[in-house]
N, C-alpha and C. Protein backbone atom coordinates (compact mmCIF):
# COMPACT_ATOMS: atom_id res chain seq x y z
N UNK A 1 4.30 -43.99 -0.75
CA UNK A 1 4.90 -43.08 -1.71
C UNK A 1 5.28 -41.77 -1.05
N UNK A 2 4.37 -41.21 -0.26
CA UNK A 2 4.64 -39.93 0.40
C UNK A 2 5.84 -40.04 1.32
N UNK A 3 5.94 -41.16 2.07
CA UNK A 3 7.05 -41.37 3.01
C UNK A 3 8.38 -41.41 2.28
N UNK A 4 8.44 -42.08 1.14
CA UNK A 4 9.70 -42.16 0.39
C UNK A 4 10.09 -40.79 -0.16
N UNK A 5 9.11 -40.01 -0.56
CA UNK A 5 9.41 -38.66 -1.06
C UNK A 5 9.99 -37.80 0.06
N UNK A 6 9.41 -37.90 1.27
CA UNK A 6 9.92 -37.13 2.40
C UNK A 6 11.34 -37.56 2.75
N UNK A 7 11.62 -38.89 2.72
CA UNK A 7 12.97 -39.37 3.03
C UNK A 7 13.98 -38.84 2.01
N UNK A 8 13.60 -38.81 0.72
CA UNK A 8 14.51 -38.27 -0.30
C UNK A 8 14.75 -36.79 -0.08
N UNK A 9 13.69 -36.05 0.25
CA UNK A 9 13.83 -34.62 0.49
C UNK A 9 14.69 -34.36 1.72
N UNK A 10 14.53 -35.20 2.72
CA UNK A 10 15.26 -35.02 3.98
C UNK A 10 16.77 -35.13 3.75
N UNK A 11 17.19 -35.98 2.81
CA UNK A 11 18.61 -36.15 2.50
C UNK A 11 19.17 -34.98 1.71
N UNK A 12 18.32 -34.15 1.15
CA UNK A 12 18.75 -32.98 0.37
C UNK A 12 18.14 -31.72 0.98
N UNK A 13 18.85 -31.09 1.92
CA UNK A 13 18.29 -29.92 2.60
C UNK A 13 17.85 -28.82 1.64
N UNK A 14 18.56 -28.66 0.53
CA UNK A 14 18.17 -27.62 -0.42
C UNK A 14 16.79 -27.89 -0.99
N UNK A 15 16.43 -29.17 -1.17
CA UNK A 15 15.11 -29.47 -1.71
C UNK A 15 14.03 -29.19 -0.68
N UNK A 16 14.36 -29.33 0.61
CA UNK A 16 13.40 -28.94 1.65
C UNK A 16 13.12 -27.45 1.58
N UNK A 17 14.19 -26.68 1.35
CA UNK A 17 14.00 -25.24 1.23
C UNK A 17 13.12 -24.93 0.03
N UNK A 18 13.35 -25.63 -1.08
CA UNK A 18 12.51 -25.42 -2.25
C UNK A 18 11.06 -25.81 -1.96
N UNK A 19 10.89 -26.94 -1.28
CA UNK A 19 9.54 -27.39 -0.93
C UNK A 19 8.88 -26.37 0.00
N UNK A 20 9.65 -25.86 0.98
CA UNK A 20 9.12 -24.84 1.88
C UNK A 20 8.69 -23.60 1.13
N UNK A 21 9.50 -23.18 0.15
CA UNK A 21 9.13 -22.03 -0.67
C UNK A 21 7.87 -22.27 -1.46
N UNK A 22 7.72 -23.50 -1.96
CA UNK A 22 6.52 -23.85 -2.72
C UNK A 22 5.29 -23.80 -1.82
N UNK A 23 5.43 -24.30 -0.60
CA UNK A 23 4.32 -24.26 0.34
C UNK A 23 3.94 -22.81 0.64
N UNK A 24 4.96 -21.95 0.83
CA UNK A 24 4.69 -20.54 1.07
C UNK A 24 3.96 -19.94 -0.13
N UNK A 25 4.42 -20.25 -1.34
CA UNK A 25 3.76 -19.74 -2.53
C UNK A 25 2.34 -20.25 -2.64
N UNK A 26 2.12 -21.53 -2.35
CA UNK A 26 0.77 -22.07 -2.41
C UNK A 26 -0.11 -21.42 -1.36
N UNK A 27 0.45 -21.18 -0.18
CA UNK A 27 -0.31 -20.52 0.88
C UNK A 27 -0.69 -19.11 0.47
N UNK A 28 0.22 -18.41 -0.20
CA UNK A 28 -0.07 -17.05 -0.64
C UNK A 28 -1.18 -17.04 -1.68
N UNK A 29 -1.30 -18.13 -2.43
CA UNK A 29 -2.34 -18.18 -3.46
C UNK A 29 -3.74 -18.22 -2.86
N UNK A 30 -3.85 -18.52 -1.58
CA UNK A 30 -5.15 -18.60 -0.95
C UNK A 30 -5.69 -17.25 -0.50
N UNK A 31 -4.91 -16.16 -0.65
CA UNK A 31 -5.43 -14.83 -0.38
C UNK A 31 -6.28 -14.43 -1.58
N UNK A 32 -7.55 -14.66 -1.49
CA UNK A 32 -8.43 -14.35 -2.60
C UNK A 32 -8.91 -12.91 -2.51
N UNK A 33 -9.30 -12.39 -3.62
CA UNK A 33 -9.77 -11.01 -3.64
C UNK A 33 -11.04 -10.86 -2.84
N UNK A 34 -11.05 -9.86 -1.98
CA UNK A 34 -12.23 -9.55 -1.19
C UNK A 34 -12.94 -8.36 -1.79
N UNK A 35 -13.86 -7.76 -1.05
CA UNK A 35 -14.56 -6.58 -1.56
C UNK A 35 -13.56 -5.51 -1.97
N UNK A 36 -13.71 -4.98 -3.14
CA UNK A 36 -12.80 -3.95 -3.63
C UNK A 36 -11.70 -4.53 -4.50
N UNK A 37 -11.61 -5.85 -4.59
CA UNK A 37 -10.68 -6.47 -5.51
C UNK A 37 -9.28 -6.69 -5.00
N UNK A 38 -8.95 -6.32 -3.76
CA UNK A 38 -7.60 -6.49 -3.27
C UNK A 38 -7.35 -7.91 -2.80
N UNK A 39 -6.24 -8.49 -3.22
CA UNK A 39 -5.85 -9.79 -2.73
C UNK A 39 -5.36 -9.71 -1.29
N UNK A 40 -5.27 -8.51 -0.72
CA UNK A 40 -4.81 -8.33 0.65
C UNK A 40 -5.96 -8.28 1.64
N UNK A 41 -7.18 -8.40 1.19
CA UNK A 41 -8.35 -8.24 2.06
C UNK A 41 -8.26 -9.17 3.27
N UNK A 42 -8.34 -8.59 4.45
CA UNK A 42 -8.32 -9.37 5.68
C UNK A 42 -6.94 -9.72 6.19
N UNK A 43 -5.89 -9.46 5.43
CA UNK A 43 -4.53 -9.71 5.86
C UNK A 43 -4.17 -8.71 6.95
N UNK A 44 -3.41 -9.11 7.93
CA UNK A 44 -2.97 -8.20 8.99
C UNK A 44 -1.50 -7.87 8.77
N UNK A 45 -1.18 -6.58 8.70
CA UNK A 45 0.18 -6.10 8.50
C UNK A 45 0.48 -5.09 9.60
N UNK A 46 1.52 -5.31 10.36
CA UNK A 46 1.90 -4.38 11.42
C UNK A 46 0.77 -4.13 12.42
N UNK A 47 -0.04 -5.12 12.67
CA UNK A 47 -1.15 -4.98 13.61
C UNK A 47 -2.36 -4.30 13.02
N UNK A 48 -2.36 -4.10 11.70
CA UNK A 48 -3.46 -3.42 11.01
C UNK A 48 -4.13 -4.40 10.05
N UNK A 49 -5.43 -4.61 10.22
CA UNK A 49 -6.16 -5.48 9.30
C UNK A 49 -6.45 -4.70 8.03
N UNK A 50 -6.02 -5.22 6.90
CA UNK A 50 -6.16 -4.53 5.61
C UNK A 50 -7.57 -4.77 5.08
N UNK A 51 -8.41 -3.77 5.24
CA UNK A 51 -9.80 -3.83 4.78
C UNK A 51 -10.38 -2.42 4.82
N UNK A 52 -11.50 -2.19 4.13
CA UNK A 52 -12.13 -0.87 4.19
C UNK A 52 -12.54 -0.53 5.63
N UNK A 53 -12.50 0.76 5.95
CA UNK A 53 -12.92 1.29 7.24
C UNK A 53 -12.14 0.74 8.43
N UNK A 54 -10.96 0.22 8.21
CA UNK A 54 -10.15 -0.33 9.29
C UNK A 54 -9.67 0.78 10.23
N UNK A 55 -9.40 0.44 11.46
CA UNK A 55 -8.92 1.38 12.47
C UNK A 55 -7.45 1.08 12.77
N UNK A 56 -6.56 1.85 12.13
CA UNK A 56 -5.12 1.59 12.25
C UNK A 56 -4.35 2.85 12.62
N UNK A 57 -4.95 3.69 13.43
CA UNK A 57 -4.29 4.92 13.85
C UNK A 57 -2.99 4.58 14.58
N UNK A 58 -1.90 5.25 14.16
CA UNK A 58 -0.61 5.08 14.82
C UNK A 58 0.12 3.78 14.56
N UNK A 59 -0.37 2.94 13.67
CA UNK A 59 0.28 1.65 13.39
C UNK A 59 1.56 1.84 12.58
N UNK A 60 2.49 0.91 12.76
CA UNK A 60 3.77 0.95 12.04
C UNK A 60 3.67 0.07 10.80
N UNK A 61 3.49 0.71 9.65
CA UNK A 61 3.36 0.00 8.37
C UNK A 61 4.50 0.38 7.43
N UNK A 62 5.59 0.87 7.98
CA UNK A 62 6.69 1.32 7.13
C UNK A 62 7.19 0.18 6.26
N UNK A 63 7.50 0.53 5.02
CA UNK A 63 8.02 -0.37 3.99
C UNK A 63 7.09 -1.54 3.68
N UNK A 64 5.82 -1.45 4.05
CA UNK A 64 4.85 -2.51 3.74
C UNK A 64 4.47 -2.48 2.27
N UNK A 65 4.23 -3.65 1.72
CA UNK A 65 3.76 -3.76 0.34
C UNK A 65 2.24 -3.90 0.38
N UNK A 66 1.56 -2.80 0.10
CA UNK A 66 0.10 -2.76 0.16
C UNK A 66 -0.48 -2.44 -1.22
N UNK A 67 0.16 -2.96 -2.25
CA UNK A 67 -0.31 -2.73 -3.63
C UNK A 67 -1.76 -3.16 -3.77
N UNK A 68 -2.57 -2.26 -4.33
CA UNK A 68 -3.95 -2.57 -4.62
C UNK A 68 -4.85 -2.75 -3.41
N UNK A 69 -4.35 -2.43 -2.22
CA UNK A 69 -5.15 -2.61 -1.00
C UNK A 69 -6.37 -1.69 -1.00
N UNK A 70 -7.49 -2.20 -0.49
CA UNK A 70 -8.69 -1.37 -0.34
C UNK A 70 -8.74 -0.89 1.10
N UNK A 71 -8.32 0.35 1.29
CA UNK A 71 -8.32 0.99 2.61
C UNK A 71 -9.25 2.19 2.59
N UNK A 72 -10.31 2.11 1.81
CA UNK A 72 -11.26 3.23 1.74
C UNK A 72 -11.89 3.44 3.11
N UNK A 73 -11.94 4.69 3.53
CA UNK A 73 -12.53 5.04 4.81
C UNK A 73 -11.68 4.64 6.02
N UNK A 74 -10.47 4.18 5.78
CA UNK A 74 -9.61 3.72 6.88
C UNK A 74 -9.11 4.88 7.74
N UNK A 75 -8.95 4.62 9.03
CA UNK A 75 -8.33 5.59 9.92
C UNK A 75 -6.86 5.23 10.05
N UNK A 76 -6.02 5.96 9.33
CA UNK A 76 -4.57 5.75 9.35
C UNK A 76 -3.87 6.98 9.93
N UNK A 77 -4.60 7.73 10.76
CA UNK A 77 -4.02 8.95 11.34
C UNK A 77 -2.80 8.58 12.18
N UNK A 78 -1.71 9.31 11.96
CA UNK A 78 -0.48 9.08 12.71
C UNK A 78 0.24 7.79 12.36
N UNK A 79 -0.22 7.08 11.34
CA UNK A 79 0.42 5.81 10.96
C UNK A 79 1.77 6.07 10.29
N UNK A 80 2.69 5.13 10.46
CA UNK A 80 3.99 5.21 9.82
C UNK A 80 3.93 4.41 8.53
N UNK A 81 3.82 5.12 7.40
CA UNK A 81 3.79 4.50 6.07
C UNK A 81 5.03 4.88 5.27
N UNK A 82 6.11 5.14 5.99
CA UNK A 82 7.38 5.51 5.39
C UNK A 82 7.81 4.45 4.39
N UNK A 83 8.07 4.83 3.14
CA UNK A 83 8.49 3.97 2.04
C UNK A 83 7.51 2.82 1.78
N UNK A 84 6.27 2.98 2.14
CA UNK A 84 5.27 1.94 1.86
C UNK A 84 4.93 1.93 0.37
N UNK A 85 4.59 0.77 -0.14
CA UNK A 85 4.17 0.62 -1.53
C UNK A 85 2.65 0.57 -1.54
N UNK A 86 2.04 1.63 -2.02
CA UNK A 86 0.58 1.75 -2.06
C UNK A 86 0.11 1.93 -3.50
N UNK A 87 0.85 1.36 -4.43
CA UNK A 87 0.52 1.45 -5.85
C UNK A 87 -0.89 0.93 -6.09
N UNK A 88 -1.73 1.76 -6.70
CA UNK A 88 -3.09 1.35 -7.04
C UNK A 88 -4.01 1.15 -5.85
N UNK A 89 -3.60 1.58 -4.67
CA UNK A 89 -4.43 1.39 -3.47
C UNK A 89 -5.64 2.32 -3.49
N UNK A 90 -6.72 1.88 -2.88
CA UNK A 90 -7.92 2.70 -2.73
C UNK A 90 -7.92 3.29 -1.33
N UNK A 91 -7.63 4.59 -1.24
CA UNK A 91 -7.60 5.31 0.03
C UNK A 91 -8.67 6.40 0.04
N UNK A 92 -9.75 6.16 -0.69
CA UNK A 92 -10.85 7.11 -0.74
C UNK A 92 -11.37 7.37 0.67
N UNK A 93 -11.52 8.62 1.03
CA UNK A 93 -12.03 9.06 2.33
C UNK A 93 -11.18 8.59 3.52
N UNK A 94 -9.95 8.16 3.28
CA UNK A 94 -9.09 7.70 4.37
C UNK A 94 -8.61 8.89 5.21
N UNK A 95 -8.44 8.66 6.50
CA UNK A 95 -7.91 9.67 7.40
C UNK A 95 -6.42 9.42 7.55
N UNK A 96 -5.61 10.26 6.90
CA UNK A 96 -4.16 10.15 6.95
C UNK A 96 -3.55 11.34 7.70
N UNK A 97 -4.34 11.98 8.54
CA UNK A 97 -3.89 13.14 9.29
C UNK A 97 -2.70 12.75 10.17
N UNK A 98 -1.57 13.43 9.95
CA UNK A 98 -0.37 13.17 10.74
C UNK A 98 0.39 11.92 10.34
N UNK A 99 0.00 11.27 9.25
CA UNK A 99 0.70 10.05 8.81
C UNK A 99 2.04 10.40 8.17
N UNK A 100 2.98 9.49 8.27
CA UNK A 100 4.30 9.63 7.65
C UNK A 100 4.30 8.84 6.36
N UNK A 101 4.18 9.55 5.23
CA UNK A 101 4.16 8.91 3.90
C UNK A 101 5.42 9.27 3.12
N UNK A 102 6.49 9.65 3.83
CA UNK A 102 7.73 10.04 3.15
C UNK A 102 8.26 8.88 2.30
N UNK A 103 8.56 9.19 1.04
CA UNK A 103 9.13 8.20 0.13
C UNK A 103 8.18 7.10 -0.30
N UNK A 104 6.93 7.21 0.06
CA UNK A 104 5.97 6.15 -0.29
C UNK A 104 5.63 6.19 -1.78
N UNK A 105 5.22 5.04 -2.30
CA UNK A 105 4.85 4.93 -3.70
C UNK A 105 3.33 4.86 -3.79
N UNK A 106 2.72 5.96 -4.22
CA UNK A 106 1.27 6.07 -4.36
C UNK A 106 0.87 6.12 -5.83
N UNK A 107 1.70 5.54 -6.68
CA UNK A 107 1.46 5.53 -8.12
C UNK A 107 0.08 4.94 -8.42
N UNK A 108 -0.79 5.75 -9.00
CA UNK A 108 -2.11 5.28 -9.40
C UNK A 108 -3.09 5.09 -8.25
N UNK A 109 -2.73 5.53 -7.06
CA UNK A 109 -3.62 5.37 -5.90
C UNK A 109 -4.78 6.35 -5.98
N UNK A 110 -5.89 5.99 -5.35
CA UNK A 110 -7.07 6.86 -5.30
C UNK A 110 -7.20 7.43 -3.89
N UNK A 111 -6.96 8.74 -3.76
CA UNK A 111 -7.05 9.44 -2.48
C UNK A 111 -8.19 10.46 -2.51
N UNK A 112 -9.22 10.18 -3.28
CA UNK A 112 -10.37 11.07 -3.38
C UNK A 112 -10.95 11.33 -2.00
N UNK A 113 -11.12 12.60 -1.66
CA UNK A 113 -11.72 13.04 -0.40
C UNK A 113 -10.98 12.55 0.85
N UNK A 114 -9.70 12.21 0.73
CA UNK A 114 -8.91 11.77 1.88
C UNK A 114 -8.40 12.97 2.66
N UNK A 115 -8.19 12.80 3.96
CA UNK A 115 -7.54 13.83 4.79
C UNK A 115 -6.05 13.56 4.68
N UNK A 116 -5.38 14.38 3.88
CA UNK A 116 -3.98 14.19 3.57
C UNK A 116 -3.11 15.22 4.28
N UNK A 117 -3.47 15.57 5.49
CA UNK A 117 -2.67 16.48 6.30
C UNK A 117 -1.50 15.64 6.83
N UNK A 118 -0.56 15.33 5.93
CA UNK A 118 0.48 14.35 6.21
C UNK A 118 1.80 14.78 5.59
N UNK A 119 2.86 14.03 5.89
CA UNK A 119 4.17 14.29 5.30
C UNK A 119 4.36 13.37 4.12
N UNK A 120 4.33 13.95 2.90
CA UNK A 120 4.51 13.19 1.66
C UNK A 120 5.82 13.57 0.98
N UNK A 121 6.81 13.97 1.77
CA UNK A 121 8.11 14.35 1.24
C UNK A 121 8.68 13.20 0.41
N UNK A 122 9.02 13.50 -0.85
CA UNK A 122 9.63 12.50 -1.73
C UNK A 122 8.71 11.39 -2.18
N UNK A 123 7.42 11.54 -1.99
CA UNK A 123 6.46 10.49 -2.39
C UNK A 123 6.28 10.46 -3.91
N UNK A 124 5.97 9.29 -4.44
CA UNK A 124 5.67 9.11 -5.85
C UNK A 124 4.15 9.25 -6.00
N UNK A 125 3.72 10.32 -6.65
CA UNK A 125 2.29 10.58 -6.85
C UNK A 125 1.93 10.55 -8.33
N UNK A 126 2.61 9.73 -9.09
CA UNK A 126 2.34 9.60 -10.53
C UNK A 126 0.96 8.97 -10.72
N UNK A 127 0.11 9.67 -11.43
CA UNK A 127 -1.22 9.15 -11.75
C UNK A 127 -2.15 9.04 -10.55
N UNK A 128 -1.80 9.66 -9.45
CA UNK A 128 -2.61 9.59 -8.22
C UNK A 128 -3.80 10.54 -8.33
N UNK A 129 -4.95 10.13 -7.80
CA UNK A 129 -6.16 10.95 -7.81
C UNK A 129 -6.33 11.58 -6.43
N UNK A 130 -6.22 12.92 -6.37
CA UNK A 130 -6.35 13.67 -5.12
C UNK A 130 -7.62 14.53 -5.13
N UNK A 131 -8.57 14.22 -5.98
CA UNK A 131 -9.79 15.02 -6.09
C UNK A 131 -10.48 15.15 -4.74
N UNK A 132 -10.70 16.38 -4.32
CA UNK A 132 -11.41 16.66 -3.07
C UNK A 132 -10.65 16.35 -1.81
N UNK A 133 -9.38 15.98 -1.92
CA UNK A 133 -8.58 15.66 -0.73
C UNK A 133 -8.21 16.92 0.04
N UNK A 134 -8.02 16.78 1.34
CA UNK A 134 -7.58 17.88 2.21
C UNK A 134 -6.06 17.89 2.19
N UNK A 135 -5.48 18.90 1.51
CA UNK A 135 -4.03 18.96 1.35
C UNK A 135 -3.42 20.28 1.83
N UNK A 136 -4.23 21.15 2.43
CA UNK A 136 -3.77 22.48 2.81
C UNK A 136 -2.51 22.44 3.69
N UNK A 137 -2.40 21.50 4.58
CA UNK A 137 -1.24 21.42 5.48
C UNK A 137 -0.33 20.23 5.18
N UNK A 138 -0.50 19.64 3.99
CA UNK A 138 0.35 18.51 3.60
C UNK A 138 1.73 18.99 3.20
N UNK A 139 2.74 18.16 3.40
CA UNK A 139 4.12 18.46 3.04
C UNK A 139 4.47 17.66 1.79
N UNK A 140 4.74 18.37 0.67
CA UNK A 140 5.00 17.72 -0.62
C UNK A 140 6.42 17.95 -1.13
N UNK A 141 7.37 18.37 -0.28
CA UNK A 141 8.74 18.66 -0.74
C UNK A 141 9.33 17.44 -1.45
N UNK A 142 9.78 17.64 -2.68
CA UNK A 142 10.43 16.57 -3.44
C UNK A 142 9.48 15.49 -3.95
N UNK A 143 8.19 15.67 -3.76
CA UNK A 143 7.22 14.67 -4.26
C UNK A 143 7.19 14.72 -5.79
N UNK A 144 6.93 13.59 -6.40
CA UNK A 144 6.89 13.49 -7.85
C UNK A 144 5.45 13.46 -8.33
N UNK A 145 5.10 14.50 -9.09
CA UNK A 145 3.76 14.61 -9.68
C UNK A 145 3.89 14.38 -11.18
N UNK A 146 3.07 13.53 -11.73
CA UNK A 146 3.05 13.30 -13.17
C UNK A 146 1.65 12.81 -13.52
N UNK A 147 0.92 13.64 -14.23
CA UNK A 147 -0.48 13.32 -14.56
C UNK A 147 -1.29 13.04 -13.28
N UNK A 148 -0.94 13.76 -12.25
CA UNK A 148 -1.63 13.64 -10.96
C UNK A 148 -2.87 14.49 -11.00
N UNK A 149 -4.02 13.93 -10.63
CA UNK A 149 -5.26 14.69 -10.57
C UNK A 149 -5.28 15.42 -9.24
N UNK A 150 -5.23 16.76 -9.32
CA UNK A 150 -5.16 17.60 -8.13
C UNK A 150 -6.55 17.73 -7.48
N UNK A 151 -6.59 18.33 -6.33
CA UNK A 151 -7.79 18.52 -5.51
C UNK A 151 -8.97 19.07 -6.32
N UNK A 152 -8.69 20.04 -7.19
CA UNK A 152 -9.74 20.69 -7.97
C UNK A 152 -10.03 19.99 -9.30
N UNK A 153 -9.42 18.85 -9.54
CA UNK A 153 -9.64 18.09 -10.77
C UNK A 153 -8.65 18.41 -11.88
N UNK A 154 -7.82 19.43 -11.69
CA UNK A 154 -6.80 19.75 -12.69
C UNK A 154 -5.66 18.73 -12.62
N UNK A 155 -4.83 18.72 -13.67
CA UNK A 155 -3.69 17.81 -13.73
C UNK A 155 -2.42 18.53 -13.32
N UNK A 156 -1.56 17.86 -12.56
CA UNK A 156 -0.28 18.44 -12.13
C UNK A 156 0.85 17.52 -12.54
N UNK A 157 1.93 18.16 -12.95
CA UNK A 157 3.16 17.44 -13.27
C UNK A 157 4.33 18.25 -12.75
N UNK A 158 5.28 17.61 -12.09
CA UNK A 158 6.47 18.28 -11.58
C UNK A 158 7.22 18.87 -12.77
N UNK A 159 7.58 20.18 -12.71
CA UNK A 159 8.32 20.81 -13.81
C UNK A 159 9.58 20.01 -14.16
N UNK A 160 9.79 19.82 -15.46
CA UNK A 160 10.96 19.12 -15.96
C UNK A 160 10.82 17.61 -16.00
N UNK A 161 9.69 17.08 -15.56
CA UNK A 161 9.47 15.64 -15.55
C UNK A 161 8.80 15.22 -16.84
N UNK A 162 9.34 14.23 -17.52
CA UNK A 162 8.73 13.65 -18.71
C UNK A 162 7.78 12.54 -18.28
N UNK A 163 6.52 12.68 -18.61
CA UNK A 163 5.55 11.65 -18.22
C UNK A 163 5.38 10.63 -19.33
């Protein structure tokens, strides 16, 4: 039975592509949630293993989809996170000193006590928690704040923005 199915698929290249896509989807389903609840636990992106306390200084993670990733305590100093999707990511106590976070999406991310001496020009910080973060030398030009919890626990919203 299996042989006849393969022969039929072989005659229809488009069905092989569909089957290949299904295999990819099934393979993706095997990324189970690890500690912290991220389905990305243990995945390697741009030479960086996605897990708490990972050492990814200077890694190129630009435009990576790291939604919900648990990178608490991670060393991401000097990392390129340009236009990265970090929606809902846990970056508690992460070292982002010198990181490029321009245009990144940090919607709902937790950056509590993170070293955010980084470039966040044009970043989406809607609902982001920055409690206790180091932001004195951070660059926030054009960043979007909406119900963002600031370093001191107060709420910030970019003037003129409807939340």
